[in-house]
Amino acid sequence: MCFITADKDGLSSYTVPHMEQYKISSDDLLLFATIAEQGSLVRAAETLDMPKATVSRRLSKLEADLGQQLLVRTTRRLNLTEFGQVFL
């Protein structure tokens, strides 16, 4: 769960409660950022020079560790969830 607030100027800020409790490696952060940037697990795997299965497995583990889905995956596209946008 994340909280969205707006200040007096209408600028939004996002807070993820207890984010400090998560032990996320810099490799996992890079993996997720690359997936989001590339918009595809296949392109992210190519960019990171690793098998697509490894990218998919690590993303699933990251989501399980966070207890939140980061991406909505379909056969044709990836979309960041609200939590994924905040996490990025």
Protein backbone atom coordinates (compact mmCIF):
# COMPACT_ATOMS: atom_id res chain seq x y z
CA MET A 1 0.00 0.00 0.00
CA CYS A 2 1.25 3.49 -0.76
CA PHE A 3 -0.06 6.89 0.14
CA ILE A 4 -0.45 9.77 -2.27
CA THR A 5 -0.60 13.29 -0.90
CA ALA A 6 -0.67 16.70 -2.55
CA ASP A 7 0.87 19.86 -1.17
CA LYS A 8 -0.63 23.35 -1.44
CA ASP A 9 0.79 23.73 -4.97
CA GLY A 10 -0.86 20.51 -6.10
CA LEU A 11 2.41 18.58 -6.32
CA SER A 12 2.02 14.95 -5.40
CA SER A 13 4.31 12.94 -3.23
CA TYR A 14 4.30 9.21 -2.67
CA THR A 15 5.18 7.35 0.48
CA VAL A 16 5.57 3.66 0.88
CA PRO A 17 5.16 2.86 4.57
CA HIS A 18 7.93 0.83 6.15
CA MET A 19 10.04 0.77 2.97
CA GLU A 20 13.10 0.57 5.19
CA GLN A 21 12.04 -2.95 6.21
CA TYR A 22 12.78 -4.28 2.73
CA LYS A 23 16.24 -5.62 1.98
CA ILE A 24 16.53 -4.90 -1.72
CA SER A 25 19.84 -5.37 -3.48
CA SER A 26 21.17 -2.80 -5.91
CA ASP A 27 21.17 -5.57 -8.54
CA ASP A 28 17.42 -6.02 -8.08
CA LEU A 29 16.87 -2.27 -8.31
CA LEU A 30 18.90 -2.16 -11.52
CA LEU A 31 16.96 -5.14 -12.88
CA PHE A 32 13.59 -3.52 -12.19
CA ALA A 33 14.68 -0.12 -13.55
CA THR A 34 15.97 -1.78 -16.73
CA ILE A 35 12.72 -3.70 -17.23
CA ALA A 36 10.71 -0.50 -16.76
CA GLU A 37 13.00 1.47 -19.09
CA GLN A 38 13.03 -1.19 -21.81
CA GLY A 39 9.32 -1.98 -21.49
CA SER A 40 9.99 -5.64 -22.11
CA LEU A 41 11.48 -8.58 -20.24
CA VAL A 42 13.17 -9.76 -23.44
CA ARG A 43 14.80 -6.38 -24.13
CA ALA A 44 15.79 -6.04 -20.47
CA ALA A 45 17.38 -9.51 -20.59
CA GLU A 46 19.31 -8.53 -23.72
CA THR A 47 20.44 -5.25 -22.13
CA LEU A 48 21.53 -7.02 -18.95
CA ASP A 49 23.04 -9.93 -20.90
CA MET A 50 21.13 -12.59 -19.02
CA PRO A 51 18.51 -15.18 -19.93
CA LYS A 52 14.88 -14.00 -20.02
CA ALA A 53 13.97 -16.77 -17.57
CA THR A 54 16.44 -15.34 -15.04
CA VAL A 55 15.01 -11.83 -15.44
CA SER A 56 11.48 -13.14 -15.03
CA ARG A 57 12.39 -15.26 -11.99
CA ARG A 58 14.23 -12.40 -10.27
CA LEU A 59 11.36 -9.99 -10.94
CA SER A 60 8.89 -12.49 -9.46
CA LYS A 61 11.11 -12.92 -6.40
CA LEU A 62 11.41 -9.14 -5.96
CA GLU A 63 7.63 -8.78 -6.12
CA ALA A 64 7.22 -11.63 -3.62
CA ASP A 65 9.78 -10.05 -1.27
CA LEU A 66 7.94 -6.72 -1.47
CA GLY A 67 4.53 -8.34 -1.20
CA GLN A 68 3.39 -6.14 -4.07
CA GLN A 69 3.08 -6.49 -7.82
CA LEU A 70 5.38 -4.05 -9.64
CA LEU A 71 4.22 -4.70 -13.19
CA VAL A 72 1.08 -5.83 -14.96
CA ARG A 73 2.24 -8.24 -17.64
CA THR A 74 0.29 -9.18 -20.74
CA THR A 75 1.50 -11.03 -23.80
CA ARG A 76 2.09 -7.73 -25.59
CA ARG A 77 3.09 -5.18 -22.98
CA LEU A 78 4.23 -4.33 -19.48
CA ASN A 79 2.66 -1.59 -17.40
CA LEU A 80 3.86 -0.35 -14.06
CA THR A 81 1.42 -0.70 -11.20
CA GLU A 82 0.92 2.29 -8.93
CA PHE A 83 3.31 0.64 -6.47
CA GLY A 84 5.77 0.01 -9.31
CA GLN A 85 5.69 3.70 -10.25
CA VAL A 86 6.39 4.70 -6.65
CA PHE A 87 9.08 2.06 -6.25
CA LEU A 88 10.84 3.18 -9.41
